[in-house]
């Protein structure tokens, strides 16, 4: 068992994550979470790894909950802590994984929300005067793109009625067919796009690719304008999933198009669509 200062062990763990190909966002989140752990241990005058006890980690969890972090956020932070301690054991810094006995807080899982046809048509009407955001909403609604994938979409990725989503982090490359609604939305946006050299489809007036936070904020504004305050941009992707399942689209096809790693992830939407079986349709439905 090591007497290394806990804070000094964190950089090696983060480097290990980087070497394993974990996404920059994950590494950044883990760094922040472990900084909180180090700060907590410092206040308890625990500096070295060999002085940490399972009870300390239990108190760390309970302290986060007392600070009004949601159970979901605390659970995510515990994942970082548990990964860190597994690393310490694998590196011979600790002989026992102290975090293994630490339980996650109970999370009440709410079913995802999705828009009805009447509601997404209202959203479509509200955004009609903004070709750029209209195209973004239609791409998510018609193809199930994630917001990050919208932000990273490049001009070369869209051609011949198809869209290629490039591989990123642990997501492999995939190709998505674009129906007439999605193609029309893009065609109406392109002439209004700033005449600036950029490889990205959705750009600002200065030619920079739209950031995820900007896309989210813009779509949320139109959701409010359409008087649909209980929804968020993520619910548009859920709507794509539910409507295609209702239309009898094959779950395997839908899983591939949406970029799910496991078919079981796609199967979770069956309950939302109020059905128990997959359809056999091999083309996406037009919303």
C-alpha atoms as a PDB file:
ATOM      1  CA  UNK A   1       0.000   0.000   0.000  1.00  0.00           C
ATOM      2  CA  UNK A   2       1.356   3.406  -0.992  1.00  0.00           C
ATOM      3  CA  UNK A   3       1.871   6.587   0.974  1.00  0.00           C
ATOM      4  CA  UNK A   4       1.729   8.679  -2.203  1.00  0.00           C
ATOM      5  CA  UNK A   5      -0.199  11.922  -1.929  1.00  0.00           C
ATOM      6  CA  UNK A   6      -3.654  11.358  -3.408  1.00  0.00           C
ATOM      7  CA  UNK A   7      -3.513  14.586  -5.429  1.00  0.00           C
ATOM      8  CA  UNK A   8      -0.268  13.472  -7.080  1.00  0.00           C
ATOM      9  CA  UNK A   9      -1.871  10.229  -8.287  1.00  0.00           C
ATOM     10  CA  UNK A  10      -4.699  11.904 -10.227  1.00  0.00           C
ATOM     11  CA  UNK A  11      -2.620  13.053 -13.263  1.00  0.00           C
ATOM     12  CA  UNK A  12      -1.396   9.498 -13.910  1.00  0.00           C
ATOM     13  CA  UNK A  13      -4.992   8.240 -13.818  1.00  0.00           C
ATOM     14  CA  UNK A  14      -6.132  10.916 -16.273  1.00  0.00           C
ATOM     15  CA  UNK A  15      -3.213  10.073 -18.572  1.00  0.00           C
ATOM     16  CA  UNK A  16      -4.301   6.425 -18.456  1.00  0.00           C
ATOM     17  CA  UNK A  17      -7.811   7.446 -19.528  1.00  0.00           C
ATOM     18  CA  UNK A  18      -6.327   9.440 -22.399  1.00  0.00           C
ATOM     19  CA  UNK A  19      -4.191   6.475 -23.494  1.00  0.00           C
ATOM     20  CA  UNK A  20      -7.320   4.302 -23.505  1.00  0.00           C
ATOM     21  CA  UNK A  21      -9.064   6.699 -25.868  1.00  0.00           C
ATOM     22  CA  UNK A  22     -11.624   8.144 -23.479  1.00  0.00           C
ATOM     23  CA  UNK A  23     -13.243  11.327 -24.741  1.00  0.00           C
ATOM     24  CA  UNK A  24     -11.839  14.729 -23.696  1.00  0.00           C
ATOM     25  CA  UNK A  25     -15.213  15.565 -22.129  1.00  0.00           C
ATOM     26  CA  UNK A  26     -15.059  12.442 -19.940  1.00  0.00           C
ATOM     27  CA  UNK A  27     -11.494  13.196 -18.858  1.00  0.00           C
ATOM     28  CA  UNK A  28     -12.424  16.790 -18.019  1.00  0.00           C
ATOM     29  CA  UNK A  29     -15.419  15.629 -15.953  1.00  0.00           C
ATOM     30  CA  UNK A  30     -13.338  13.021 -14.101  1.00  0.00           C
ATOM     31  CA  UNK A  31     -10.683  15.647 -13.305  1.00  0.00           C
ATOM     32  CA  UNK A  32     -13.322  17.921 -11.813  1.00  0.00           C
ATOM     33  CA  UNK A  33     -14.883  15.088  -9.805  1.00  0.00           C
ATOM     34  CA  UNK A  34     -11.547  13.952  -8.410  1.00  0.00           C
ATOM     35  CA  UNK A  35     -10.604  17.537  -7.533  1.00  0.00           C
ATOM     36  CA  UNK A  36     -13.728  17.551  -5.355  1.00  0.00           C
ATOM     37  CA  UNK A  37     -12.642  14.296  -3.728  1.00  0.00           C
ATOM     38  CA  UNK A  38      -9.149  15.636  -3.049  1.00  0.00           C
ATOM     39  CA  UNK A  39     -10.604  18.831  -1.554  1.00  0.00           C
ATOM     40  CA  UNK A  40     -12.894  16.763   0.678  1.00  0.00           C
ATOM     41  CA  UNK A  41     -10.042  14.522   1.863  1.00  0.00           C
ATOM     42  CA  UNK A  42      -7.819  17.545   2.500  1.00  0.00           C
ATOM     43  CA  UNK A  43     -10.441  19.067   4.792  1.00  0.00           C
ATOM     44  CA  UNK A  44     -10.475  15.772   6.697  1.00  0.00           C
ATOM     45  CA  UNK A  45      -6.666  15.959   6.856  1.00  0.00           C
ATOM     46  CA  UNK A  46      -6.313  12.814   4.739  1.00  0.00           C
ATOM     47  CA  UNK A  47      -3.430  13.329   2.324  1.00  0.00           C
ATOM     48  CA  UNK A  48      -2.193   9.872   1.357  1.00  0.00           C
ATOM     49  CA  UNK A  49      -4.009   6.984  -0.310  1.00  0.00           C
ATOM     50  CA  UNK A  50      -3.181   4.536   2.475  1.00  0.00           C
ATOM     51  CA  UNK A  51      -5.136   6.637   4.991  1.00  0.00           C
ATOM     52  CA  UNK A  52      -8.431   6.539   3.086  1.00  0.00           C
ATOM     53  CA  UNK A  53     -11.203   4.297   4.408  1.00  0.00           C
ATOM     54  CA  UNK A  54     -14.440   3.166   2.801  1.00  0.00           C
ATOM     55  CA  UNK A  55     -16.317   5.226   5.387  1.00  0.00           C
ATOM     56  CA  UNK A  56     -14.600   8.361   4.064  1.00  0.00           C
ATOM     57  CA  UNK A  57     -15.961   7.696   0.595  1.00  0.00           C
ATOM     58  CA  UNK A  58     -19.436   7.082   2.035  1.00  0.00           C
ATOM     59  CA  UNK A  59     -19.254  10.465   3.767  1.00  0.00           C
ATOM     60  CA  UNK A  60     -18.041  12.090   0.541  1.00  0.00           C
ATOM     61  CA  UNK A  61     -21.129  10.736  -1.252  1.00  0.00           C
ATOM     62  CA  UNK A  62     -23.462  11.914   1.521  1.00  0.00           C
ATOM     63  CA  UNK A  63     -21.814  15.343   1.611  1.00  0.00           C
ATOM     64  CA  UNK A  64     -22.473  15.807  -2.115  1.00  0.00           C
ATOM     65  CA  UNK A  65     -26.124  14.888  -1.607  1.00  0.00           C
ATOM     66  CA  UNK A  66     -26.350  17.352   1.292  1.00  0.00           C
ATOM     67  CA  UNK A  67     -24.951  20.026  -1.024  1.00  0.00           C
ATOM     68  CA  UNK A  68     -28.008  19.480  -3.239  1.00  0.00           C
ATOM     69  CA  UNK A  69     -26.282  17.591  -6.048  1.00  0.00           C
ATOM     70  CA  UNK A  70     -28.839  15.339  -7.709  1.00  0.00           C
ATOM     71  CA  UNK A  71     -28.543  11.577  -7.118  1.00  0.00           C
ATOM     72  CA  UNK A  72     -27.712  11.217 -10.819  1.00  0.00           C
ATOM     73  CA  UNK A  73     -24.839  13.714 -10.557  1.00  0.00           C
ATOM     74  CA  UNK A  74     -23.528  12.070  -7.392  1.00  0.00           C
ATOM     75  CA  UNK A  75     -23.687   8.662  -9.055  1.00  0.00           C
ATOM     76  CA  UNK A  76     -21.653   9.995 -11.988  1.00  0.00           C
ATOM     77  CA  UNK A  77     -19.062  11.428  -9.596  1.00  0.00           C
ATOM     78  CA  UNK A  78     -18.874   8.073  -7.805  1.00  0.00           C
ATOM     79  CA  UNK A  79     -18.167   6.408 -11.146  1.00  0.00           C
ATOM     80  CA  UNK A  80     -15.110   8.645 -11.461  1.00  0.00           C
ATOM     81  CA  UNK A  81     -14.021   7.802  -7.907  1.00  0.00           C
ATOM     82  CA  UNK A  82     -14.502   4.071  -8.433  1.00  0.00           C
ATOM     83  CA  UNK A  83     -12.547   4.173 -11.713  1.00  0.00           C
ATOM     84  CA  UNK A  84      -9.753   6.016  -9.918  1.00  0.00           C
ATOM     85  CA  UNK A  85      -9.534   3.424  -7.139  1.00  0.00           C
ATOM     86  CA  UNK A  86      -9.555   0.536  -9.620  1.00  0.00           C
ATOM     87  CA  UNK A  87      -6.628   2.248 -11.320  1.00  0.00           C
ATOM     88  CA  UNK A  88      -4.757   2.582  -8.017  1.00  0.00           C
ATOM     89  CA  UNK A  89      -5.174  -1.135  -7.351  1.00  0.00           C
ATOM     90  CA  UNK A  90      -4.081  -2.073 -10.878  1.00  0.00           C
ATOM     91  CA  UNK A  91      -0.981   0.102 -10.481  1.00  0.00           C
ATOM     92  CA  UNK A  92      -0.103  -1.439  -7.113  1.00  0.00           C
ATOM     93  CA  UNK A  93      -0.746   1.799  -5.262  1.00  0.00           C
ATOM     94  CA  UNK A  94      -3.422   0.094  -3.140  1.00  0.00           C
ATOM     95  CA  UNK A  95      -3.960  -3.567  -2.310  1.00  0.00           C
ATOM     96  CA  UNK A  96      -7.735  -3.269  -1.883  1.00  0.00           C
ATOM     97  CA  UNK A  97     -10.382  -1.393  -3.832  1.00  0.00           C
ATOM     98  CA  UNK A  98     -11.928   0.681  -1.059  1.00  0.00           C
ATOM     99  CA  UNK A  99     -14.610   2.059  -3.344  1.00  0.00           C
ATOM    100  CA  UNK A 100     -16.173  -1.295  -4.219  1.00  0.00           C
ATOM    101  CA  UNK A 101     -18.388  -1.294  -1.120  1.00  0.00           C
ATOM    102  CA  UNK A 102     -19.596   2.286  -1.673  1.00  0.00           C
ATOM    103  CA  UNK A 103     -23.166   2.226  -2.964  1.00  0.00           C
ATOM    104  CA  UNK A 104     -24.685   4.628  -5.454  1.00  0.00           C
ATOM    105  CA  UNK A 105     -27.608   6.804  -4.362  1.00  0.00           C
ATOM    106  CA  UNK A 106     -30.998   5.622  -5.521  1.00  0.00           C
ATOM    107  CA  UNK A 107     -32.033   7.298  -8.750  1.00  0.00           C
ATOM    108  CA  UNK A 108     -35.664   7.648  -9.692  1.00  0.00           C
ATOM    109  CA  UNK A 109     -35.660   6.981 -13.412  1.00  0.00           C
ATOM    110  CA  UNK A 110     -38.262   9.033 -15.245  1.00  0.00           C
ATOM    111  CA  UNK A 111     -39.395   7.964 -18.679  1.00  0.00           C
ATOM    112  CA  UNK A 112     -38.072  10.210 -21.466  1.00  0.00           C
ATOM    113  CA  UNK A 113     -40.519  12.712 -22.961  1.00  0.00           C
ATOM    114  CA  UNK A 114     -41.485  12.974 -26.608  1.00  0.00           C
ATOM    115  CA  UNK A 115     -43.534  15.421 -28.639  1.00  0.00           C
ATOM    116  CA  UNK A 116     -46.870  14.516 -30.183  1.00  0.00           C
ATOM    117  CA  UNK A 117     -47.352  15.189 -33.919  1.00  0.00           C
ATOM    118  CA  UNK A 118     -49.389  18.278 -33.035  1.00  0.00           C
ATOM    119  CA  UNK A 119     -46.579  19.549 -30.793  1.00  0.00           C
ATOM    120  CA  UNK A 120     -43.680  19.040 -33.197  1.00  0.00           C
ATOM    121  CA  UNK A 121     -45.731  20.694 -35.927  1.00  0.00           C
ATOM    122  CA  UNK A 122     -46.216  23.663 -33.600  1.00  0.00           C
ATOM    123  CA  UNK A 123     -42.451  23.765 -33.065  1.00  0.00           C
ATOM    124  CA  UNK A 124     -41.915  23.601 -36.822  1.00  0.00           C
ATOM    125  CA  UNK A 125     -44.246  26.585 -37.286  1.00  0.00           C
ATOM    126  CA  UNK A 126     -42.479  28.577 -34.558  1.00  0.00           C
ATOM    127  CA  UNK A 127     -39.045  28.147 -36.150  1.00  0.00           C
ATOM    128  CA  UNK A 128     -40.087  28.542 -39.787  1.00  0.00           C
ATOM    129  CA  UNK A 129     -38.553  32.027 -40.114  1.00  0.00           C
ATOM    130  CA  UNK A 130     -35.108  30.783 -39.001  1.00  0.00           C
ATOM    131  CA  UNK A 131     -33.734  28.454 -41.743  1.00  0.00           C
ATOM    132  CA  UNK A 132     -30.642  27.464 -39.756  1.00  0.00           C
ATOM    133  CA  UNK A 133     -32.383  26.358 -36.550  1.00  0.00           C
ATOM    134  CA  UNK A 134     -35.261  24.948 -38.596  1.00  0.00           C
ATOM    135  CA  UNK A 135     -32.773  22.706 -40.441  1.00  0.00           C
ATOM    136  CA  UNK A 136     -31.203  21.635 -37.143  1.00  0.00           C
ATOM    137  CA  UNK A 137     -34.572  20.693 -35.666  1.00  0.00           C
ATOM    138  CA  UNK A 138     -35.602  18.798 -38.797  1.00  0.00           C
ATOM    139  CA  UNK A 139     -32.328  16.859 -38.907  1.00  0.00           C
ATOM    140  CA  UNK A 140     -32.813  15.700 -35.322  1.00  0.00           C
ATOM    141  CA  UNK A 141     -36.490  14.957 -35.884  1.00  0.00           C
ATOM    142  CA  UNK A 142     -36.013  13.110 -39.184  1.00  0.00           C
ATOM    143  CA  UNK A 143     -32.664  11.350 -38.569  1.00  0.00           C
ATOM    144  CA  UNK A 144     -32.250  11.164 -34.778  1.00  0.00           C
ATOM    145  CA  UNK A 145     -28.935  13.014 -34.699  1.00  0.00           C
ATOM    146  CA  UNK A 146     -27.463  13.902 -31.326  1.00  0.00           C
ATOM    147  CA  UNK A 147     -26.785  17.612 -30.703  1.00  0.00           C
ATOM    148  CA  UNK A 148     -23.020  16.998 -30.715  1.00  0.00           C
ATOM    149  CA  UNK A 149     -23.354  15.268 -34.072  1.00  0.00           C
ATOM    150  CA  UNK A 150     -25.274  18.231 -35.476  1.00  0.00           C
ATOM    151  CA  UNK A 151     -22.495  20.549 -34.294  1.00  0.00           C
ATOM    152  CA  UNK A 152     -19.783  18.384 -35.893  1.00  0.00           C
ATOM    153  CA  UNK A 153     -21.597  17.767 -39.190  1.00  0.00           C
ATOM    154  CA  UNK A 154     -19.468  18.785 -42.194  1.00  0.00           C
ATOM    155  CA  UNK A 155     -20.478  19.704 -45.735  1.00  0.00           C
ATOM    156  CA  UNK A 156     -18.655  16.683 -47.164  1.00  0.00           C
ATOM    157  CA  UNK A 157     -20.719  14.408 -44.916  1.00  0.00           C
ATOM    158  CA  UNK A 158     -23.982  15.267 -46.710  1.00  0.00           C
ATOM    159  CA  UNK A 159     -24.480  14.002 -50.251  1.00  0.00           C
ATOM    160  CA  UNK A 160     -26.665  11.784 -52.434  1.00  0.00           C
ATOM    161  CA  UNK A 161     -29.546  11.836 -49.966  1.00  0.00           C
ATOM    162  CA  UNK A 162     -27.407  10.418 -47.173  1.00  0.00           C
ATOM    163  CA  UNK A 163     -25.569  11.765 -44.194  1.00  0.00           C
ATOM    164  CA  UNK A 164     -22.383  10.302 -42.762  1.00  0.00           C
ATOM    165  CA  UNK A 165     -21.783  10.687 -39.043  1.00  0.00           C
ATOM    166  CA  UNK A 166     -18.052  10.448 -38.529  1.00  0.00           C
ATOM    167  CA  UNK A 167     -16.633   8.257 -35.772  1.00  0.00           C
ATOM    168  CA  UNK A 168     -15.893  10.005 -32.500  1.00  0.00           C
ATOM    169  CA  UNK A 169     -14.835   8.830 -29.048  1.00  0.00           C
ATOM    170  CA  UNK A 170     -16.297   5.303 -28.812  1.00  0.00           C
ATOM    171  CA  UNK A 171     -18.901   5.851 -31.559  1.00  0.00           C
ATOM    172  CA  UNK A 172     -18.173   4.189 -34.922  1.00  0.00           C
ATOM    173  CA  UNK A 173     -18.969   5.882 -38.229  1.00  0.00           C
ATOM    174  CA  UNK A 174     -22.508   5.395 -39.514  1.00  0.00           C
ATOM    175  CA  UNK A 175     -24.598   6.432 -42.511  1.00  0.00           C
ATOM    176  CA  UNK A 176     -28.152   7.773 -42.184  1.00  0.00           C
ATOM    177  CA  UNK A 177     -30.630   8.095 -45.063  1.00  0.00           C
ATOM    178  CA  UNK A 178     -32.185  11.559 -45.337  1.00  0.00           C
ATOM    179  CA  UNK A 179     -35.858  11.780 -46.235  1.00  0.00           C
ATOM    180  CA  UNK A 180     -37.316  14.591 -48.320  1.00  0.00           C
ATOM    181  CA  UNK A 181     -38.198  16.735 -45.278  1.00  0.00           C
ATOM    182  CA  UNK A 182     -34.599  16.714 -44.003  1.00  0.00           C
ATOM    183  CA  UNK A 183     -33.192  17.354 -47.471  1.00  0.00           C
ATOM    184  CA  UNK A 184     -35.581  20.256 -48.082  1.00  0.00           C
ATOM    185  CA  UNK A 185     -34.693  21.857 -44.732  1.00  0.00           C
ATOM    186  CA  UNK A 186     -30.993  21.763 -45.600  1.00  0.00           C
ATOM    187  CA  UNK A 187     -31.592  23.098 -49.115  1.00  0.00           C
ATOM    188  CA  UNK A 188     -33.504  26.047 -47.684  1.00  0.00           C
ATOM    189  CA  UNK A 189     -30.766  26.751 -45.146  1.00  0.00           C
ATOM    190  CA  UNK A 190     -27.704  26.586 -47.430  1.00  0.00           C
ATOM    191  CA  UNK A 191     -28.486  29.793 -49.426  1.00  0.00           C
ATOM    192  CA  UNK A 192     -28.767  31.702 -46.113  1.00  0.00           C
ATOM    193  CA  UNK A 193     -25.533  30.272 -44.719  1.00  0.00           C
ATOM    194  CA  UNK A 194     -22.779  32.926 -44.224  1.00  0.00           C
ATOM    195  CA  UNK A 195     -20.553  33.121 -47.307  1.00  0.00           C
ATOM    196  CA  UNK A 196     -17.475  32.131 -45.369  1.00  0.00           C
ATOM    197  CA  UNK A 197     -15.102  29.245 -45.991  1.00  0.00           C
ATOM    198  CA  UNK A 198     -15.888  26.557 -43.433  1.00  0.00           C
ATOM    199  CA  UNK A 199     -16.110  22.783 -43.609  1.00  0.00           C
ATOM    200  CA  UNK A 200     -18.970  22.731 -41.096  1.00  0.00           C
ATOM    201  CA  UNK A 201     -22.634  22.806 -42.095  1.00  0.00           C
ATOM    202  CA  UNK A 202     -23.904  24.950 -39.244  1.00  0.00           C
ATOM    203  CA  UNK A 203     -21.804  28.041 -38.607  1.00  0.00           C
ATOM    204  CA  UNK A 204     -22.079  31.440 -36.963  1.00  0.00           C
ATOM    205  CA  UNK A 205     -21.847  34.788 -38.771  1.00  0.00           C
ATOM    206  CA  UNK A 206     -18.085  34.711 -38.217  1.00  0.00           C
ATOM    207  CA  UNK A 207     -17.746  31.249 -39.753  1.00  0.00           C
ATOM    208  CA  UNK A 208     -17.164  29.321 -36.535  1.00  0.00           C
ATOM    209  CA  UNK A 209     -19.029  26.026 -36.080  1.00  0.00           C
ATOM    210  CA  UNK A 210     -22.004  26.371 -33.756  1.00  0.00           C
ATOM    211  CA  UNK A 211     -21.182  25.089 -30.281  1.00  0.00           C
ATOM    212  CA  UNK A 212     -23.470  22.520 -28.659  1.00  0.00           C
ATOM    213  CA  UNK A 213     -24.493  25.007 -25.974  1.00  0.00           C
ATOM    214  CA  UNK A 214     -25.490  27.554 -28.625  1.00  0.00           C
ATOM    215  CA  UNK A 215     -27.554  24.996 -30.519  1.00  0.00           C
ATOM    216  CA  UNK A 216     -29.268  23.907 -27.309  1.00  0.00           C
ATOM    217  CA  UNK A 217     -30.033  27.494 -26.294  1.00  0.00           C
ATOM    218  CA  UNK A 218     -31.390  28.425 -29.729  1.00  0.00           C
ATOM    219  CA  UNK A 219     -33.646  25.370 -29.989  1.00  0.00           C
ATOM    220  CA  UNK A 220     -34.867  25.881 -26.425  1.00  0.00           C
ATOM    221  CA  UNK A 221     -35.870  29.458 -27.311  1.00  0.00           C
ATOM    222  CA  UNK A 222     -38.109  28.199 -30.099  1.00  0.00           C
ATOM    223  CA  UNK A 223     -39.515  25.466 -27.866  1.00  0.00           C
ATOM    224  CA  UNK A 224     -40.573  28.216 -25.461  1.00  0.00           C
ATOM    225  CA  UNK A 225     -41.945  30.292 -28.350  1.00  0.00           C
ATOM    226  CA  UNK A 226     -44.045  27.296 -29.432  1.00  0.00           C
ATOM    227  CA  UNK A 227     -45.408  27.176 -25.861  1.00  0.00           C
ATOM    228  CA  UNK A 228     -43.953  23.743 -25.175  1.00  0.00           C
ATOM    229  CA  UNK A 229     -42.039  24.539 -21.954  1.00  0.00           C
ATOM    230  CA  UNK A 230     -41.898  20.992 -20.586  1.00  0.00           C
ATOM    231  CA  UNK A 231     -39.677  19.830 -23.468  1.00  0.00           C
ATOM    232  CA  UNK A 232     -35.992  20.173 -24.301  1.00  0.00           C
ATOM    233  CA  UNK A 233     -33.943  19.600 -27.436  1.00  0.00           C
ATOM    234  CA  UNK A 234     -33.137  16.042 -26.264  1.00  0.00           C
ATOM    235  CA  UNK A 235     -36.830  15.189 -26.449  1.00  0.00           C
ATOM    236  CA  UNK A 236     -36.768  15.790 -30.214  1.00  0.00           C
ATOM    237  CA  UNK A 237     -34.411  12.821 -30.667  1.00  0.00           C
ATOM    238  CA  UNK A 238     -36.708  10.769 -28.429  1.00  0.00           C
ATOM    239  CA  UNK A 239     -39.605  11.784 -30.665  1.00  0.00           C
ATOM    240  CA  UNK A 240     -37.697  10.427 -33.667  1.00  0.00           C
ATOM    241  CA  UNK A 241     -37.252   7.098 -31.890  1.00  0.00           C
ATOM    242  CA  UNK A 242     -40.860   6.774 -30.719  1.00  0.00           C
ATOM    243  CA  UNK A 243     -42.493   7.779 -34.004  1.00  0.00           C
ATOM    244  CA  UNK A 244     -40.347   5.352 -35.997  1.00  0.00           C
ATOM    245  CA  UNK A 245     -41.166   2.489 -33.638  1.00  0.00           C
ATOM    246  CA  UNK A 246     -44.858   3.362 -33.900  1.00  0.00           C
ATOM    247  CA  UNK A 247     -44.517   3.327 -37.686  1.00  0.00           C
ATOM    248  CA  UNK A 248     -43.195  -0.243 -37.559  1.00  0.00           C
ATOM    249  CA  UNK A 249     -39.525   0.456 -38.345  1.00  0.00           C
ATOM    250  CA  UNK A 250     -37.234  -2.491 -37.621  1.00  0.00           C
ATOM    251  CA  UNK A 251     -35.449  -2.058 -34.280  1.00  0.00           C
ATOM    252  CA  UNK A 252     -32.110  -3.245 -35.647  1.00  0.00           C
ATOM    253  CA  UNK A 253     -32.221  -0.601 -38.388  1.00  0.00           C
ATOM    254  CA  UNK A 254     -33.291   2.049 -35.885  1.00  0.00           C
ATOM    255  CA  UNK A 255     -30.509   1.053 -33.503  1.00  0.00           C
ATOM    256  CA  UNK A 256     -27.907   1.366 -36.262  1.00  0.00           C
ATOM    257  CA  UNK A 257     -29.244   4.714 -37.488  1.00  0.00           C
ATOM    258  CA  UNK A 258     -29.420   6.226 -33.992  1.00  0.00           C
ATOM    259  CA  UNK A 259     -25.901   5.062 -33.072  1.00  0.00           C
ATOM    260  CA  UNK A 260     -26.861   2.845 -30.145  1.00  0.00           C
ATOM    261  CA  UNK A 261     -24.108   0.446 -29.122  1.00  0.00           C
ATOM    262  CA  UNK A 262     -26.612  -2.129 -27.915  1.00  0.00           C
ATOM    263  CA  UNK A 263     -29.998  -3.170 -29.249  1.00  0.00           C
ATOM    264  CA  UNK A 264     -31.252  -3.222 -25.664  1.00  0.00           C
ATOM    265  CA  UNK A 265     -30.885   0.579 -25.589  1.00  0.00           C
ATOM    266  CA  UNK A 266     -33.251   0.884 -28.544  1.00  0.00           C
ATOM    267  CA  UNK A 267     -35.666  -1.632 -27.013  1.00  0.00           C
ATOM    268  CA  UNK A 268     -36.218   0.716 -24.060  1.00  0.00           C
ATOM    269  CA  UNK A 269     -38.250   2.951 -26.356  1.00  0.00           C
ATOM    270  CA  UNK A 270     -40.828   0.210 -26.978  1.00  0.00           C
ATOM    271  CA  UNK A 271     -42.624   1.139 -23.760  1.00  0.00           C
ATOM    272  CA  UNK A 272     -42.824   4.787 -24.799  1.00  0.00           C
ATOM    273  CA  UNK A 273     -44.250   3.756 -28.146  1.00  0.00           C
ATOM    274  CA  UNK A 274     -46.780   1.554 -26.336  1.00  0.00           C
ATOM    275  CA  UNK A 275     -45.756  -1.589 -28.175  1.00  0.00           C
ATOM    276  CA  UNK A 276     -43.937  -4.790 -27.256  1.00  0.00           C
ATOM    277  CA  UNK A 277     -42.627  -5.951 -30.615  1.00  0.00           C
ATOM    278  CA  UNK A 278     -40.329  -4.617 -33.292  1.00  0.00           C
ATOM    279  CA  UNK A 279     -41.701  -3.835 -36.711  1.00  0.00           C
ATOM    280  CA  UNK A 280     -40.117  -4.999 -39.961  1.00  0.00           C
ATOM    281  CA  UNK A 281     -40.126  -1.784 -42.015  1.00  0.00           C
ATOM    282  CA  UNK A 282     -36.699  -1.084 -43.548  1.00  0.00           C
ATOM    283  CA  UNK A 283     -37.135   2.634 -44.194  1.00  0.00           C
ATOM    284  CA  UNK A 284     -37.395   5.483 -41.717  1.00  0.00           C
ATOM    285  CA  UNK A 285     -40.726   7.224 -41.408  1.00  0.00           C
ATOM    286  CA  UNK A 286     -41.253  10.854 -42.412  1.00  0.00           C
ATOM    287  CA  UNK A 287     -42.412  13.058 -39.558  1.00  0.00           C
END
